[in-house]
Amino acid sequence: MIYQTTSFNNQLKDIFKRYPKSRREISNDIAQLPQDGDVPYAGFGRSFVYKHESGLAEYRLSASKGIRIVYMKGDHHIILITVYTHHDDIRESEVINRIRNGIKDINTDNIYHYS
């Protein structure tokens, strides 16, 4: 079961606006999480937070230049925390703040099924 936070949903809408041709590709990629090659995000305990890198073929962007999806992985569920592109020029400290705030904010009021 895949869930998303409100902030993830808002960030994803922004990415869909900037990369409309990749909407299906990104959605399929999310639906297939977790994937081989996803790496634990350092600094979050027992590695329950992972980063997935994905290319955007329609824009000729490789995985190293495409989007990043950060998610929490439980035994029977995944919670999508934050998403951004390589071109967003977001500092590592900002990504860590997004992750921490996303984890703190997880509750029944702002988490819902990814569709």
N, C-alpha and C. Protein backbone atom coordinates (compact mmCIF):
# COMPACT_ATOMS: atom_id res chain seq x y z
N MET A 1 0.85 -1.16 0.00
CA MET A 1 0.00 0.00 0.00
C MET A 1 0.90 1.24 0.00
N ILE A 2 0.61 2.18 -0.88
CA ILE A 2 1.40 3.41 -0.99
C ILE A 2 0.55 4.58 -0.53
N TYR A 3 1.12 5.38 0.39
CA TYR A 3 0.47 6.57 0.90
C TYR A 3 1.33 7.78 0.55
N GLN A 4 0.71 8.95 0.57
CA GLN A 4 1.44 10.19 0.34
C GLN A 4 1.01 11.24 1.34
N THR A 5 1.92 12.13 1.64
CA THR A 5 1.59 13.25 2.50
C THR A 5 1.06 14.39 1.64
N THR A 6 0.42 15.33 2.27
CA THR A 6 -0.10 16.50 1.56
C THR A 6 1.03 17.27 0.89
N SER A 7 2.14 17.43 1.59
CA SER A 7 3.26 18.19 1.00
C SER A 7 3.84 17.46 -0.21
N PHE A 8 3.92 16.14 -0.15
CA PHE A 8 4.39 15.37 -1.30
C PHE A 8 3.46 15.60 -2.49
N ASN A 9 2.17 15.52 -2.26
CA ASN A 9 1.20 15.72 -3.32
C ASN A 9 1.37 17.09 -3.97
N ASN A 10 1.56 18.13 -3.17
CA ASN A 10 1.76 19.49 -3.71
C ASN A 10 3.04 19.59 -4.53
N GLN A 11 4.11 18.97 -4.03
CA GLN A 11 5.38 18.99 -4.75
C GLN A 11 5.28 18.22 -6.07
N LEU A 12 4.54 17.11 -6.04
CA LEU A 12 4.37 16.30 -7.25
C LEU A 12 3.56 17.06 -8.30
N LYS A 13 2.54 17.79 -7.88
CA LYS A 13 1.75 18.60 -8.82
C LYS A 13 2.64 19.62 -9.51
N ASP A 14 3.56 20.22 -8.77
CA ASP A 14 4.49 21.19 -9.34
C ASP A 14 5.39 20.53 -10.40
N ILE A 15 5.86 19.34 -10.10
CA ILE A 15 6.70 18.62 -11.06
C ILE A 15 5.90 18.24 -12.30
N PHE A 16 4.65 17.82 -12.12
CA PHE A 16 3.80 17.49 -13.27
C PHE A 16 3.58 18.71 -14.15
N LYS A 17 3.49 19.90 -13.57
CA LYS A 17 3.33 21.12 -14.36
C LYS A 17 4.57 21.40 -15.19
N ARG A 18 5.74 21.16 -14.61
CA ARG A 18 6.99 21.43 -15.31
C ARG A 18 7.35 20.35 -16.32
N TYR A 19 6.92 19.12 -16.05
CA TYR A 19 7.25 17.99 -16.92
C TYR A 19 5.99 17.21 -17.29
N PRO A 20 5.05 17.84 -17.99
CA PRO A 20 3.77 17.18 -18.27
C PRO A 20 3.87 15.91 -19.10
N LYS A 21 4.86 15.82 -19.98
CA LYS A 21 5.01 14.62 -20.80
C LYS A 21 5.42 13.40 -19.97
N SER A 22 5.97 13.61 -18.78
CA SER A 22 6.47 12.52 -17.94
C SER A 22 5.50 12.09 -16.85
N ARG A 23 4.29 12.61 -16.86
CA ARG A 23 3.32 12.29 -15.81
C ARG A 23 3.11 10.78 -15.66
N ARG A 24 2.87 10.09 -16.76
CA ARG A 24 2.65 8.64 -16.70
C ARG A 24 3.90 7.91 -16.23
N GLU A 25 5.06 8.31 -16.73
CA GLU A 25 6.32 7.67 -16.36
C GLU A 25 6.58 7.81 -14.86
N ILE A 26 6.38 8.99 -14.33
CA ILE A 26 6.59 9.23 -12.89
C ILE A 26 5.59 8.43 -12.07
N SER A 27 4.33 8.45 -12.47
CA SER A 27 3.30 7.71 -11.74
C SER A 27 3.59 6.21 -11.73
N ASN A 28 4.01 5.66 -12.86
CA ASN A 28 4.35 4.24 -12.92
C ASN A 28 5.55 3.92 -12.05
N ASP A 29 6.51 4.83 -12.04
CA ASP A 29 7.71 4.64 -11.21
C ASP A 29 7.34 4.59 -9.73
N ILE A 30 6.47 5.49 -9.31
CA ILE A 30 6.04 5.52 -7.91
C ILE A 30 5.27 4.25 -7.56
N ALA A 31 4.41 3.79 -8.47
CA ALA A 31 3.61 2.59 -8.22
C ALA A 31 4.47 1.35 -8.04
N GLN A 32 5.70 1.37 -8.55
CA GLN A 32 6.58 0.22 -8.47
C GLN A 32 7.59 0.30 -7.32
N LEU A 33 7.45 1.28 -6.44
CA LEU A 33 8.37 1.38 -5.31
C LEU A 33 8.09 0.25 -4.32
N PRO A 34 9.06 -0.22 -3.59
CA PRO A 34 10.50 0.05 -3.69
C PRO A 34 11.10 -0.66 -4.89
N GLN A 35 12.20 -0.12 -5.38
CA GLN A 35 12.87 -0.70 -6.54
C GLN A 35 14.32 -1.00 -6.20
N ASP A 36 14.89 -1.93 -6.94
CA ASP A 36 16.32 -2.21 -6.79
C ASP A 36 17.09 -0.94 -7.10
N GLY A 37 18.12 -0.69 -6.37
CA GLY A 37 18.93 0.49 -6.59
C GLY A 37 18.55 1.67 -5.70
N ASP A 38 17.39 1.60 -5.03
CA ASP A 38 17.04 2.66 -4.08
C ASP A 38 18.01 2.59 -2.91
N VAL A 39 18.48 3.74 -2.47
CA VAL A 39 19.49 3.76 -1.42
C VAL A 39 18.92 4.33 -0.13
N PRO A 40 19.34 3.76 1.01
CA PRO A 40 18.91 4.34 2.29
C PRO A 40 19.43 5.76 2.41
N TYR A 41 18.60 6.63 2.95
CA TYR A 41 19.00 8.02 3.14
C TYR A 41 19.75 8.11 4.46
N ALA A 42 20.98 8.53 4.41
CA ALA A 42 21.84 8.57 5.60
C ALA A 42 21.27 9.49 6.67
N GLY A 43 21.45 9.08 7.92
CA GLY A 43 21.08 9.92 9.04
C GLY A 43 19.69 9.67 9.60
N PHE A 44 19.03 8.62 9.14
CA PHE A 44 17.67 8.35 9.61
C PHE A 44 17.55 6.96 10.22
N GLY A 45 18.37 6.70 11.20
CA GLY A 45 18.25 5.47 11.98
C GLY A 45 18.53 4.21 11.19
N ARG A 46 17.63 3.29 11.29
CA ARG A 46 17.83 1.97 10.70
C ARG A 46 17.50 1.91 9.22
N SER A 47 17.70 2.96 8.55
CA SER A 47 17.52 3.01 7.10
C SER A 47 16.10 2.68 6.67
N PHE A 48 15.14 3.35 7.25
CA PHE A 48 13.77 3.16 6.80
C PHE A 48 13.35 4.27 5.85
N VAL A 49 14.24 5.23 5.60
CA VAL A 49 14.00 6.29 4.63
C VAL A 49 14.90 6.03 3.43
N TYR A 50 14.30 6.00 2.25
CA TYR A 50 15.03 5.68 1.03
C TYR A 50 14.89 6.78 -0.01
N LYS A 51 15.89 6.83 -0.90
CA LYS A 51 15.85 7.78 -2.02
C LYS A 51 15.84 6.99 -3.32
N HIS A 52 14.91 7.35 -4.18
CA HIS A 52 14.81 6.74 -5.51
C HIS A 52 15.11 7.81 -6.54
N GLU A 53 15.99 7.51 -7.48
CA GLU A 53 16.31 8.43 -8.56
C GLU A 53 15.71 7.89 -9.85
N SER A 54 15.08 8.76 -10.60
CA SER A 54 14.41 8.34 -11.81
C SER A 54 14.67 9.33 -12.94
N GLY A 55 14.91 8.82 -14.12
CA GLY A 55 15.10 9.67 -15.28
C GLY A 55 13.76 10.06 -15.88
N LEU A 56 13.79 11.03 -16.76
CA LEU A 56 12.60 11.46 -17.47
C LEU A 56 12.90 11.34 -18.96
N ALA A 57 12.55 10.19 -19.53
CA ALA A 57 12.93 9.87 -20.91
C ALA A 57 12.41 10.90 -21.91
N GLU A 58 11.19 11.39 -21.70
CA GLU A 58 10.61 12.34 -22.64
C GLU A 58 11.40 13.64 -22.72
N TYR A 59 12.17 13.93 -21.70
CA TYR A 59 12.97 15.16 -21.66
C TYR A 59 14.47 14.86 -21.76
N ARG A 60 14.77 13.60 -22.07
CA ARG A 60 16.16 13.14 -22.21
C ARG A 60 17.00 13.41 -20.97
N LEU A 61 16.39 13.16 -19.81
CA LEU A 61 17.10 13.32 -18.55
C LEU A 61 17.37 11.94 -17.96
N SER A 62 18.62 11.67 -17.66
CA SER A 62 18.99 10.40 -17.05
C SER A 62 18.59 10.41 -15.58
N ALA A 63 18.73 9.27 -14.93
CA ALA A 63 18.38 9.19 -13.50
C ALA A 63 19.20 10.18 -12.68
N SER A 64 20.44 10.41 -13.05
CA SER A 64 21.26 11.35 -12.28
C SER A 64 20.83 12.81 -12.49
N LYS A 65 20.06 13.09 -13.54
CA LYS A 65 19.60 14.45 -13.82
C LYS A 65 18.10 14.62 -13.66
N GLY A 66 17.38 13.55 -13.30
CA GLY A 66 15.92 13.57 -13.24
C GLY A 66 15.37 13.90 -11.87
N ILE A 67 14.37 13.11 -11.45
CA ILE A 67 13.70 13.39 -10.19
C ILE A 67 14.22 12.51 -9.06
N ARG A 68 14.00 12.98 -7.85
CA ARG A 68 14.33 12.24 -6.64
C ARG A 68 13.04 12.06 -5.84
N ILE A 69 12.77 10.85 -5.43
CA ILE A 69 11.61 10.55 -4.60
C ILE A 69 12.12 9.98 -3.29
N VAL A 70 11.77 10.62 -2.19
CA VAL A 70 12.18 10.16 -0.87
C VAL A 70 10.95 9.58 -0.19
N TYR A 71 11.10 8.36 0.33
CA TYR A 71 9.97 7.68 0.93
C TYR A 71 10.39 6.87 2.15
N MET A 72 9.41 6.59 3.01
CA MET A 72 9.61 5.71 4.16
C MET A 72 9.07 4.34 3.79
N LYS A 73 9.80 3.32 4.18
CA LYS A 73 9.39 1.96 3.86
C LYS A 73 9.11 1.20 5.14
N GLY A 74 7.87 0.73 5.28
CA GLY A 74 7.51 -0.13 6.40
C GLY A 74 7.35 -1.56 5.92
N ASP A 75 6.89 -2.43 6.79
CA ASP A 75 6.72 -3.82 6.42
C ASP A 75 5.67 -4.01 5.33
N HIS A 76 4.58 -3.25 5.40
CA HIS A 76 3.48 -3.45 4.47
C HIS A 76 3.02 -2.17 3.78
N HIS A 77 3.80 -1.11 3.90
CA HIS A 77 3.39 0.15 3.30
C HIS A 77 4.60 1.02 2.96
N ILE A 78 4.33 1.99 2.11
CA ILE A 78 5.32 3.01 1.74
C ILE A 78 4.64 4.35 1.91
N ILE A 79 5.35 5.31 2.50
CA ILE A 79 4.83 6.67 2.64
C ILE A 79 5.75 7.60 1.87
N LEU A 80 5.20 8.26 0.88
CA LEU A 80 5.96 9.21 0.05
C LEU A 80 6.15 10.51 0.82
N ILE A 81 7.38 10.92 1.02
CA ILE A 81 7.71 12.06 1.87
C ILE A 81 7.97 13.34 1.08
N THR A 82 8.88 13.27 0.12
CA THR A 82 9.20 14.47 -0.66
C THR A 82 9.66 14.07 -2.06
N VAL A 83 9.50 14.97 -2.99
CA VAL A 83 9.93 14.76 -4.37
C VAL A 83 10.51 16.07 -4.89
N TYR A 84 11.58 15.97 -5.65
CA TYR A 84 12.21 17.16 -6.22
C TYR A 84 13.02 16.73 -7.43
N THR A 85 13.44 17.69 -8.22
CA THR A 85 14.28 17.38 -9.38
C THR A 85 15.71 17.81 -9.13
N HIS A 86 16.58 17.25 -9.90
CA HIS A 86 17.99 17.63 -9.83
C HIS A 86 18.15 19.11 -10.14
N HIS A 87 17.29 19.65 -10.99
CA HIS A 87 17.40 21.05 -11.42
C HIS A 87 16.79 22.04 -10.43
N ASP A 88 16.16 21.55 -9.36
CA ASP A 88 15.56 22.46 -8.38
C ASP A 88 16.60 23.20 -7.55
N ASP A 89 17.85 22.74 -7.61
CA ASP A 89 18.93 23.38 -6.87
C ASP A 89 18.60 23.47 -5.38
N ILE A 90 18.12 22.37 -4.83
CA ILE A 90 17.80 22.28 -3.40
C ILE A 90 19.03 21.76 -2.67
N ARG A 91 19.40 22.45 -1.62
CA ARG A 91 20.55 22.03 -0.82
C ARG A 91 20.19 20.78 -0.03
N GLU A 92 21.20 20.02 0.30
CA GLU A 92 21.01 18.80 1.09
C GLU A 92 20.33 19.09 2.42
N SER A 93 20.67 20.20 3.03
CA SER A 93 20.06 20.56 4.32
C SER A 93 18.56 20.78 4.17
N GLU A 94 18.12 21.33 3.03
CA GLU A 94 16.69 21.53 2.77
C GLU A 94 15.97 20.20 2.60
N VAL A 95 16.61 19.26 1.91
CA VAL A 95 16.02 17.94 1.73
C VAL A 95 15.87 17.25 3.09
N ILE A 96 16.88 17.35 3.92
CA ILE A 96 16.81 16.75 5.25
C ILE A 96 15.70 17.39 6.08
N ASN A 97 15.55 18.72 5.99
CA ASN A 97 14.44 19.39 6.68
C ASN A 97 13.09 18.92 6.17
N ARG A 98 12.96 18.76 4.86
CA ARG A 98 11.71 18.25 4.29
C ARG A 98 11.39 16.86 4.83
N ILE A 99 12.42 16.02 4.90
CA ILE A 99 12.21 14.65 5.40
C ILE A 99 11.80 14.68 6.87
N ARG A 100 12.53 15.43 7.68
CA ARG A 100 12.20 15.51 9.11
C ARG A 100 10.78 16.05 9.33
N ASN A 101 10.44 17.12 8.63
CA ASN A 101 9.10 17.68 8.77
C ASN A 101 8.03 16.71 8.26
N GLY A 102 8.34 16.01 7.18
CA GLY A 102 7.40 15.03 6.66
C GLY A 102 7.14 13.90 7.63
N ILE A 103 8.19 13.42 8.28
CA ILE A 103 8.05 12.34 9.27
C ILE A 103 7.25 12.84 10.46
N LYS A 104 7.55 14.05 10.93
CA LYS A 104 6.82 14.61 12.08
C LYS A 104 5.35 14.81 11.78
N ASP A 105 5.04 15.16 10.55
CA ASP A 105 3.68 15.52 10.18
C ASP A 105 2.80 14.33 9.79
N ILE A 106 3.35 13.13 9.82
CA ILE A 106 2.55 11.98 9.42
C ILE A 106 1.49 11.70 10.48
N ASN A 107 0.25 11.86 10.07
CA ASN A 107 -0.90 11.50 10.90
C ASN A 107 -2.09 11.28 9.98
N THR A 108 -3.19 10.89 10.53
CA THR A 108 -4.34 10.55 9.70
C THR A 108 -4.94 11.75 8.98
N ASP A 109 -4.61 12.96 9.40
CA ASP A 109 -5.17 14.16 8.76
C ASP A 109 -4.47 14.55 7.47
N ASN A 110 -3.22 14.14 7.30
CA ASN A 110 -2.52 14.61 6.11
C ASN A 110 -1.84 13.49 5.33
N ILE A 111 -2.30 12.28 5.50
CA ILE A 111 -1.76 11.16 4.74
C ILE A 111 -2.93 10.42 4.10
N TYR A 112 -2.76 10.08 2.84
CA TYR A 112 -3.83 9.38 2.14
C TYR A 112 -3.25 8.53 1.03
N HIS A 113 -4.05 7.63 0.48
CA HIS A 113 -3.58 6.72 -0.55
C HIS A 113 -3.09 7.47 -1.77
N TYR A 114 -2.00 6.97 -2.32
CA TYR A 114 -1.49 7.49 -3.58
C TYR A 114 -2.33 6.90 -4.69
N SER A 115 -2.76 7.73 -5.61
CA SER A 115 -3.54 7.20 -6.75
C SER A 115 -3.08 7.79 -8.05
